[in-house]
Amino acid sequence: MTPAQQSALEALAGRALTAEELAQIDPLLVARNDVAIAAALSVGRVGFQKTEIGIGTIIAVLGAHGSSGGEFLDALVVVGEENRDAHWAMVLLKSGTFDLASPASQLQIAALAQAMPEHAAGLVALAATASRPDPLPLARVSEALNIAEGRMTL
């Protein structure tokens, strides 16, 4: 793998490639198996899709993971008396418009999971309901490698 190829792939991945990834991808570059390269770089990539939820989702998801959604919501109301973000999150939950895909929502749920360990498993599962696989498109991998190799691109 040339430094230009590695740099192009790291730019696509948005991070440095691991030694394991470099070893896996290097032989694929010889054959220019861009499909396999895209698949290797896509492992573990997650994106978020707009997912608006309400109180019913909280009750269902937390209940399915061993805690009471109702108890969590009661605790959130108490937290909301001091924390304005929690207060307004509760307003959105009541209207069914709390968007799990929002970075602020993801951070808020992670903080609540730490603060309320009895609900942590359910909150982690709740946050994950907005996640989707986010594979790197084959065309972007091919284009990046073509540019790195000085080939023509369309």
N, C-alpha and C. Protein backbone atom coordinates (compact mmCIF):
# COMPACT_ATOMS: atom_id res chain seq x y z
N MET A 1 0.86 -1.17 0.00
CA MET A 1 0.00 0.00 0.00
C MET A 1 0.90 1.23 0.00
N THR A 2 0.63 2.11 -0.93
CA THR A 2 1.43 3.34 -0.99
C THR A 2 0.92 4.32 0.08
N PRO A 3 1.78 5.27 0.45
CA PRO A 3 1.31 6.29 1.40
C PRO A 3 0.09 7.06 0.87
N ALA A 4 0.03 7.30 -0.44
CA ALA A 4 -1.12 8.00 -1.01
C ALA A 4 -2.40 7.18 -0.89
N GLN A 5 -2.30 5.88 -1.13
CA GLN A 5 -3.46 5.01 -0.98
C GLN A 5 -3.92 4.97 0.47
N GLN A 6 -2.97 4.81 1.39
CA GLN A 6 -3.31 4.76 2.80
C GLN A 6 -3.96 6.07 3.24
N SER A 7 -3.40 7.18 2.81
CA SER A 7 -3.98 8.48 3.17
C SER A 7 -5.39 8.64 2.63
N ALA A 8 -5.61 8.19 1.40
CA ALA A 8 -6.94 8.28 0.79
C ALA A 8 -7.96 7.44 1.56
N LEU A 9 -7.56 6.23 1.92
CA LEU A 9 -8.48 5.35 2.65
C LEU A 9 -8.74 5.86 4.07
N GLU A 10 -7.72 6.41 4.70
CA GLU A 10 -7.91 6.97 6.04
C GLU A 10 -8.82 8.20 6.00
N ALA A 11 -8.69 9.00 4.95
CA ALA A 11 -9.58 10.16 4.81
C ALA A 11 -11.03 9.70 4.66
N LEU A 12 -11.24 8.64 3.89
CA LEU A 12 -12.60 8.10 3.73
C LEU A 12 -13.15 7.56 5.05
N ALA A 13 -12.30 6.84 5.77
CA ALA A 13 -12.73 6.22 7.03
C ALA A 13 -12.89 7.27 8.14
N GLY A 14 -12.21 8.41 7.97
CA GLY A 14 -12.28 9.45 8.99
C GLY A 14 -11.44 9.13 10.21
N ARG A 15 -10.44 8.29 10.03
CA ARG A 15 -9.58 7.87 11.14
C ARG A 15 -8.37 7.13 10.57
N ALA A 16 -7.38 6.92 11.41
CA ALA A 16 -6.22 6.11 11.01
C ALA A 16 -6.64 4.65 10.90
N LEU A 17 -6.09 3.96 9.94
CA LEU A 17 -6.37 2.52 9.80
C LEU A 17 -5.55 1.75 10.82
N THR A 18 -6.14 0.69 11.35
CA THR A 18 -5.42 -0.16 12.30
C THR A 18 -4.43 -1.04 11.56
N ALA A 19 -3.49 -1.61 12.29
CA ALA A 19 -2.51 -2.53 11.69
C ALA A 19 -3.24 -3.72 11.07
N GLU A 20 -4.29 -4.19 11.72
CA GLU A 20 -5.07 -5.32 11.20
C GLU A 20 -5.73 -4.94 9.87
N GLU A 21 -6.30 -3.74 9.81
CA GLU A 21 -6.94 -3.29 8.57
C GLU A 21 -5.92 -3.14 7.45
N LEU A 22 -4.76 -2.59 7.77
CA LEU A 22 -3.72 -2.43 6.76
C LEU A 22 -3.31 -3.79 6.20
N ALA A 23 -3.15 -4.77 7.08
CA ALA A 23 -2.77 -6.12 6.63
C ALA A 23 -3.87 -6.76 5.79
N GLN A 24 -5.12 -6.49 6.15
CA GLN A 24 -6.25 -7.07 5.41
C GLN A 24 -6.41 -6.41 4.05
N ILE A 25 -6.23 -5.10 3.99
CA ILE A 25 -6.50 -4.35 2.76
C ILE A 25 -5.35 -4.41 1.77
N ASP A 26 -4.11 -4.51 2.25
CA ASP A 26 -2.96 -4.46 1.36
C ASP A 26 -3.05 -5.45 0.20
N PRO A 27 -3.35 -6.74 0.45
CA PRO A 27 -3.44 -7.65 -0.70
C PRO A 27 -4.65 -7.35 -1.60
N LEU A 28 -5.67 -6.74 -1.04
CA LEU A 28 -6.84 -6.37 -1.85
C LEU A 28 -6.51 -5.25 -2.82
N LEU A 29 -5.57 -4.41 -2.44
CA LEU A 29 -5.18 -3.31 -3.32
C LEU A 29 -4.44 -3.81 -4.56
N VAL A 30 -3.67 -4.88 -4.39
CA VAL A 30 -2.93 -5.44 -5.53
C VAL A 30 -3.91 -5.83 -6.63
N ALA A 31 -5.01 -6.44 -6.25
CA ALA A 31 -6.04 -6.86 -7.22
C ALA A 31 -7.08 -5.76 -7.45
N ARG A 32 -6.97 -4.66 -6.71
CA ARG A 32 -7.95 -3.57 -6.73
C ARG A 32 -9.37 -4.10 -6.54
N ASN A 33 -9.50 -4.90 -5.50
CA ASN A 33 -10.80 -5.44 -5.13
C ASN A 33 -11.52 -4.39 -4.26
N ASP A 34 -12.04 -3.36 -4.93
CA ASP A 34 -12.65 -2.24 -4.23
C ASP A 34 -13.88 -2.65 -3.42
N VAL A 35 -14.58 -3.67 -3.87
CA VAL A 35 -15.75 -4.16 -3.13
C VAL A 35 -15.30 -4.67 -1.76
N ALA A 36 -14.27 -5.48 -1.73
CA ALA A 36 -13.78 -6.03 -0.46
C ALA A 36 -13.14 -4.94 0.40
N ILE A 37 -12.49 -3.97 -0.24
CA ILE A 37 -11.89 -2.86 0.52
C ILE A 37 -12.99 -2.04 1.19
N ALA A 38 -14.04 -1.73 0.45
CA ALA A 38 -15.16 -0.98 1.02
C ALA A 38 -15.79 -1.75 2.18
N ALA A 39 -15.95 -3.06 2.01
CA ALA A 39 -16.53 -3.88 3.08
C ALA A 39 -15.64 -3.87 4.32
N ALA A 40 -14.32 -3.97 4.13
CA ALA A 40 -13.40 -3.98 5.26
C ALA A 40 -13.44 -2.66 6.01
N LEU A 41 -13.52 -1.56 5.28
CA LEU A 41 -13.56 -0.25 5.92
C LEU A 41 -14.91 0.06 6.55
N SER A 42 -15.93 -0.69 6.18
CA SER A 42 -17.28 -0.43 6.67
C SER A 42 -17.62 -1.17 7.96
N VAL A 43 -16.78 -2.11 8.37
CA VAL A 43 -17.05 -2.89 9.57
C VAL A 43 -17.17 -1.95 10.77
N GLY A 44 -18.29 -2.04 11.45
CA GLY A 44 -18.51 -1.25 12.65
C GLY A 44 -18.96 0.19 12.43
N ARG A 45 -19.06 0.62 11.18
CA ARG A 45 -19.52 1.99 10.92
C ARG A 45 -21.02 2.09 11.19
N VAL A 46 -21.38 3.07 11.96
CA VAL A 46 -22.78 3.26 12.34
C VAL A 46 -23.16 4.70 12.08
N GLY A 47 -24.33 4.88 11.51
CA GLY A 47 -24.91 6.21 11.34
C GLY A 47 -26.24 6.24 12.07
N PHE A 48 -26.84 7.41 12.10
CA PHE A 48 -28.11 7.55 12.80
C PHE A 48 -29.17 8.08 11.86
N GLN A 49 -30.36 7.53 11.97
CA GLN A 49 -31.50 7.90 11.15
C GLN A 49 -32.54 8.55 12.06
N LYS A 50 -33.14 9.64 11.59
CA LYS A 50 -34.15 10.34 12.38
C LYS A 50 -35.15 9.32 12.92
N THR A 51 -35.29 9.30 14.25
CA THR A 51 -36.17 8.36 14.92
C THR A 51 -36.86 9.10 16.06
N GLU A 52 -38.06 9.55 15.82
CA GLU A 52 -38.79 10.27 16.86
C GLU A 52 -39.56 9.28 17.72
N ILE A 53 -39.43 9.48 19.03
CA ILE A 53 -40.08 8.56 19.97
C ILE A 53 -40.90 9.35 20.99
N GLY A 54 -41.72 8.61 21.70
CA GLY A 54 -42.52 9.17 22.77
C GLY A 54 -42.44 8.28 24.00
N ILE A 55 -43.33 8.54 24.92
CA ILE A 55 -43.35 7.83 26.19
C ILE A 55 -43.54 6.33 26.01
N GLY A 56 -44.39 5.92 25.07
CA GLY A 56 -44.63 4.50 24.84
C GLY A 56 -43.38 3.75 24.46
N THR A 57 -42.53 4.36 23.66
CA THR A 57 -41.28 3.70 23.27
C THR A 57 -40.37 3.53 24.48
N ILE A 58 -40.30 4.55 25.32
CA ILE A 58 -39.49 4.45 26.55
C ILE A 58 -39.97 3.27 27.40
N ILE A 59 -41.27 3.19 27.61
CA ILE A 59 -41.83 2.12 28.45
C ILE A 59 -41.54 0.76 27.83
N ALA A 60 -41.73 0.64 26.52
CA ALA A 60 -41.52 -0.65 25.85
C ALA A 60 -40.05 -1.07 25.85
N VAL A 61 -39.16 -0.17 25.47
CA VAL A 61 -37.75 -0.55 25.35
C VAL A 61 -37.12 -0.80 26.72
N LEU A 62 -37.34 0.09 27.66
CA LEU A 62 -36.77 -0.13 28.98
C LEU A 62 -37.35 -1.38 29.63
N GLY A 63 -38.65 -1.60 29.45
CA GLY A 63 -39.28 -2.80 29.99
C GLY A 63 -38.70 -4.07 29.41
N ALA A 64 -38.36 -4.04 28.14
CA ALA A 64 -37.77 -5.21 27.49
C ALA A 64 -36.34 -5.47 27.95
N HIS A 65 -35.74 -4.50 28.64
CA HIS A 65 -34.36 -4.66 29.09
C HIS A 65 -34.25 -4.64 30.62
N GLY A 66 -35.31 -5.06 31.29
CA GLY A 66 -35.24 -5.31 32.71
C GLY A 66 -35.41 -4.13 33.65
N SER A 67 -35.87 -3.00 33.13
CA SER A 67 -36.14 -1.90 34.06
C SER A 67 -37.51 -1.31 33.74
N SER A 68 -37.99 -0.49 34.63
CA SER A 68 -39.31 0.09 34.46
C SER A 68 -39.22 1.43 33.73
N GLY A 69 -39.85 1.49 32.58
CA GLY A 69 -39.91 2.75 31.84
C GLY A 69 -40.63 3.82 32.62
N GLY A 70 -41.68 3.43 33.34
CA GLY A 70 -42.43 4.38 34.16
C GLY A 70 -41.57 4.98 35.26
N GLU A 71 -40.78 4.13 35.94
CA GLU A 71 -39.89 4.64 36.99
C GLU A 71 -38.84 5.58 36.40
N PHE A 72 -38.32 5.22 35.22
CA PHE A 72 -37.34 6.10 34.57
C PHE A 72 -37.98 7.45 34.25
N LEU A 73 -39.18 7.44 33.68
CA LEU A 73 -39.85 8.70 33.33
C LEU A 73 -40.13 9.54 34.58
N ASP A 74 -40.53 8.90 35.67
CA ASP A 74 -40.72 9.63 36.93
C ASP A 74 -39.42 10.28 37.38
N ALA A 75 -38.33 9.53 37.28
CA ALA A 75 -37.02 10.07 37.67
C ALA A 75 -36.61 11.22 36.75
N LEU A 76 -36.93 11.10 35.46
CA LEU A 76 -36.60 12.15 34.51
C LEU A 76 -37.36 13.44 34.83
N VAL A 77 -38.59 13.31 35.26
CA VAL A 77 -39.37 14.48 35.66
C VAL A 77 -38.68 15.18 36.84
N VAL A 78 -38.21 14.41 37.80
CA VAL A 78 -37.51 14.98 38.96
C VAL A 78 -36.22 15.67 38.52
N VAL A 79 -35.44 15.01 37.66
CA VAL A 79 -34.21 15.61 37.14
C VAL A 79 -34.55 16.90 36.39
N GLY A 80 -35.65 16.89 35.65
CA GLY A 80 -36.06 18.04 34.87
C GLY A 80 -36.40 19.27 35.69
N GLU A 81 -36.67 19.09 37.00
CA GLU A 81 -36.92 20.24 37.86
C GLU A 81 -35.67 21.08 38.05
N GLU A 82 -34.50 20.47 37.92
CA GLU A 82 -33.22 21.19 38.08
C GLU A 82 -32.49 21.35 36.76
N ASN A 83 -32.65 20.40 35.86
CA ASN A 83 -31.91 20.40 34.60
C ASN A 83 -32.87 20.74 33.46
N ARG A 84 -32.67 21.89 32.86
CA ARG A 84 -33.60 22.36 31.82
C ARG A 84 -33.56 21.48 30.57
N ASP A 85 -32.40 20.91 30.25
CA ASP A 85 -32.35 20.01 29.10
C ASP A 85 -33.26 18.80 29.32
N ALA A 86 -33.22 18.24 30.53
CA ALA A 86 -34.09 17.11 30.84
C ALA A 86 -35.55 17.53 30.82
N HIS A 87 -35.82 18.74 31.32
CA HIS A 87 -37.20 19.25 31.31
C HIS A 87 -37.75 19.30 29.88
N TRP A 88 -36.98 19.90 28.98
CA TRP A 88 -37.47 20.05 27.61
C TRP A 88 -37.45 18.73 26.84
N ALA A 89 -36.56 17.83 27.21
CA ALA A 89 -36.59 16.49 26.61
C ALA A 89 -37.90 15.80 26.96
N MET A 90 -38.35 16.01 28.19
CA MET A 90 -39.62 15.42 28.62
C MET A 90 -40.79 15.99 27.81
N VAL A 91 -40.75 17.28 27.50
CA VAL A 91 -41.79 17.90 26.67
C VAL A 91 -41.82 17.22 25.30
N LEU A 92 -40.64 17.00 24.72
CA LEU A 92 -40.57 16.34 23.41
C LEU A 92 -41.06 14.89 23.50
N LEU A 93 -40.71 14.20 24.57
CA LEU A 93 -41.19 12.82 24.75
C LEU A 93 -42.71 12.77 24.83
N LYS A 94 -43.29 13.71 25.57
CA LYS A 94 -44.74 13.74 25.71
C LYS A 94 -45.44 13.95 24.37
N SER A 95 -44.79 14.70 23.47
CA SER A 95 -45.41 14.96 22.17
C SER A 95 -44.99 13.93 21.12
N GLY A 96 -44.12 12.99 21.50
CA GLY A 96 -43.68 11.95 20.55
C GLY A 96 -42.70 12.46 19.53
N THR A 97 -41.97 13.53 19.84
CA THR A 97 -41.05 14.12 18.87
C THR A 97 -39.60 14.16 19.35
N PHE A 98 -39.26 13.37 20.35
CA PHE A 98 -37.87 13.32 20.81
C PHE A 98 -37.08 12.52 19.78
N ASP A 99 -36.11 13.15 19.13
CA ASP A 99 -35.35 12.51 18.04
C ASP A 99 -34.09 11.85 18.58
N LEU A 100 -34.08 10.54 18.55
CA LEU A 100 -32.93 9.78 19.04
C LEU A 100 -31.68 9.96 18.18
N ALA A 101 -31.83 10.39 16.94
CA ALA A 101 -30.68 10.53 16.05
C ALA A 101 -29.89 11.79 16.32
N SER A 102 -30.46 12.72 17.02
CA SER A 102 -29.76 13.97 17.32
C SER A 102 -28.53 13.70 18.19
N PRO A 103 -27.38 14.29 17.84
CA PRO A 103 -26.20 14.12 18.69
C PRO A 103 -26.45 14.55 20.14
N ALA A 104 -27.21 15.62 20.32
CA ALA A 104 -27.52 16.07 21.68
C ALA A 104 -28.33 15.01 22.42
N SER A 105 -29.26 14.37 21.74
CA SER A 105 -30.06 13.31 22.36
C SER A 105 -29.18 12.13 22.74
N GLN A 106 -28.29 11.75 21.86
CA GLN A 106 -27.39 10.63 22.15
C GLN A 106 -26.53 10.92 23.37
N LEU A 107 -26.02 12.15 23.47
CA LEU A 107 -25.20 12.53 24.63
C LEU A 107 -26.04 12.55 25.91
N GLN A 108 -27.26 13.05 25.80
CA GLN A 108 -28.14 13.13 26.96
C GLN A 108 -28.49 11.73 27.47
N ILE A 109 -28.78 10.82 26.56
CA ILE A 109 -29.12 9.45 26.96
C ILE A 109 -27.90 8.76 27.60
N ALA A 110 -26.72 8.98 27.03
CA ALA A 110 -25.51 8.40 27.61
C ALA A 110 -25.27 8.92 29.03
N ALA A 111 -25.48 10.22 29.24
CA ALA A 111 -25.31 10.80 30.57
C ALA A 111 -26.34 10.22 31.55
N LEU A 112 -27.57 10.05 31.09
CA LEU A 112 -28.60 9.48 31.96
C LEU A 112 -28.29 8.02 32.30
N ALA A 113 -27.74 7.29 31.34
CA ALA A 113 -27.38 5.89 31.59
C ALA A 113 -26.31 5.79 32.67
N GLN A 114 -25.37 6.75 32.68
CA GLN A 114 -24.35 6.76 33.72
C GLN A 114 -24.94 7.16 35.07
N ALA A 115 -25.82 8.14 35.04
CA ALA A 115 -26.40 8.65 36.28
C ALA A 115 -27.43 7.69 36.88
N MET A 116 -28.03 6.84 36.05
CA MET A 116 -29.08 5.92 36.50
C MET A 116 -28.73 4.50 36.08
N PRO A 117 -27.76 3.89 36.75
CA PRO A 117 -27.28 2.56 36.32
C PRO A 117 -28.38 1.50 36.29
N GLU A 118 -29.42 1.67 37.08
CA GLU A 118 -30.51 0.69 37.07
C GLU A 118 -31.27 0.69 35.75
N HIS A 119 -31.14 1.77 34.97
CA HIS A 119 -31.80 1.88 33.67
C HIS A 119 -30.81 1.84 32.50
N ALA A 120 -29.53 1.66 32.81
CA ALA A 120 -28.48 1.79 31.78
C ALA A 120 -28.70 0.86 30.59
N ALA A 121 -28.98 -0.41 30.83
CA ALA A 121 -29.14 -1.35 29.71
C ALA A 121 -30.28 -0.92 28.79
N GLY A 122 -31.38 -0.51 29.37
CA GLY A 122 -32.51 -0.05 28.56
C GLY A 122 -32.20 1.23 27.81
N LEU A 123 -31.47 2.15 28.45
CA LEU A 123 -31.14 3.41 27.78
C LEU A 123 -30.16 3.19 26.63
N VAL A 124 -29.21 2.28 26.82
CA VAL A 124 -28.29 1.95 25.72
C VAL A 124 -29.07 1.36 24.55
N ALA A 125 -30.00 0.47 24.85
CA ALA A 125 -30.83 -0.13 23.79
C ALA A 125 -31.70 0.94 23.13
N LEU A 126 -32.21 1.85 23.91
CA LEU A 126 -33.03 2.94 23.37
C LEU A 126 -32.22 3.78 22.40
N ALA A 127 -31.02 4.18 22.80
CA ALA A 127 -30.17 4.99 21.92
C ALA A 127 -29.84 4.25 20.62
N ALA A 128 -29.68 2.95 20.72
CA ALA A 128 -29.31 2.15 19.54
C ALA A 128 -30.45 2.01 18.54
N THR A 129 -31.69 2.29 18.94
CA THR A 129 -32.79 2.12 18.00
C THR A 129 -32.71 3.10 16.82
N ALA A 130 -31.94 4.17 16.96
CA ALA A 130 -31.78 5.12 15.86
C ALA A 130 -30.58 4.80 14.99
N SER A 131 -29.77 3.82 15.40
CA SER A 131 -28.55 3.53 14.65
C SER A 131 -28.82 2.58 13.48
N ARG A 132 -28.07 2.79 12.44
CA ARG A 132 -28.15 1.97 11.23
C ARG A 132 -26.73 1.71 10.73
N PRO A 133 -26.50 0.60 10.05
CA PRO A 133 -25.19 0.42 9.41
C PRO A 133 -24.93 1.56 8.44
N ASP A 134 -23.68 1.99 8.38
CA ASP A 134 -23.30 3.11 7.52
C ASP A 134 -22.10 2.71 6.66
N PRO A 135 -22.31 1.80 5.71
CA PRO A 135 -21.18 1.34 4.90
C PRO A 135 -20.64 2.44 3.99
N LEU A 136 -19.35 2.37 3.75
CA LEU A 136 -18.75 3.30 2.79
C LEU A 136 -19.18 2.90 1.39
N PRO A 137 -19.64 3.84 0.59
CA PRO A 137 -20.05 3.51 -0.77
C PRO A 137 -18.86 3.07 -1.62
N LEU A 138 -19.07 2.03 -2.39
CA LEU A 138 -18.04 1.50 -3.29
C LEU A 138 -17.50 2.60 -4.20
N ALA A 139 -18.37 3.43 -4.74
CA ALA A 139 -17.94 4.48 -5.67
C ALA A 139 -16.96 5.45 -5.01
N ARG A 140 -17.16 5.75 -3.73
CA ARG A 140 -16.25 6.67 -3.03
C ARG A 140 -14.90 6.03 -2.81
N VAL A 141 -14.88 4.73 -2.49
CA VAL A 141 -13.62 4.02 -2.31
C VAL A 141 -12.86 3.98 -3.63
N SER A 142 -13.56 3.62 -4.70
CA SER A 142 -12.90 3.55 -6.01
C SER A 142 -12.36 4.91 -6.44
N GLU A 143 -13.16 5.94 -6.26
CA GLU A 143 -12.72 7.27 -6.67
C GLU A 143 -11.50 7.72 -5.86
N ALA A 144 -11.51 7.51 -4.56
CA ALA A 144 -10.39 7.91 -3.72
C ALA A 144 -9.11 7.19 -4.12
N LEU A 145 -9.23 5.89 -4.38
CA LEU A 145 -8.05 5.13 -4.80
C LEU A 145 -7.59 5.54 -6.19
N ASN A 146 -8.51 5.79 -7.10
CA ASN A 146 -8.14 6.24 -8.44
C ASN A 146 -7.36 7.56 -8.38
N ILE A 147 -7.82 8.47 -7.55
CA ILE A 147 -7.12 9.75 -7.41
C ILE A 147 -5.75 9.53 -6.79
N ALA A 148 -5.68 8.71 -5.75
CA ALA A 148 -4.40 8.43 -5.09
C ALA A 148 -3.40 7.78 -6.03
N GLU A 149 -3.90 7.02 -6.98
CA GLU A 149 -3.04 6.31 -7.92
C GLU A 149 -2.80 7.10 -9.20
N GLY A 150 -3.39 8.28 -9.30
CA GLY A 150 -3.20 9.11 -10.49
C GLY A 150 -3.96 8.63 -11.70
N ARG A 151 -5.03 7.88 -11.49
CA ARG A 151 -5.86 7.41 -12.60
C ARG A 151 -6.92 8.43 -12.91
N MET A 152 -7.50 8.32 -14.06
CA MET A 152 -8.60 9.22 -14.43
C MET A 152 -9.83 8.88 -13.60
N THR A 153 -10.58 9.90 -13.29
CA THR A 153 -11.85 9.69 -12.60
C THR A 153 -12.94 10.40 -13.39
N LEU A 154 -14.17 9.95 -13.20
CA LEU A 154 -15.30 10.58 -13.87
C LEU A 154 -15.93 11.62 -12.97
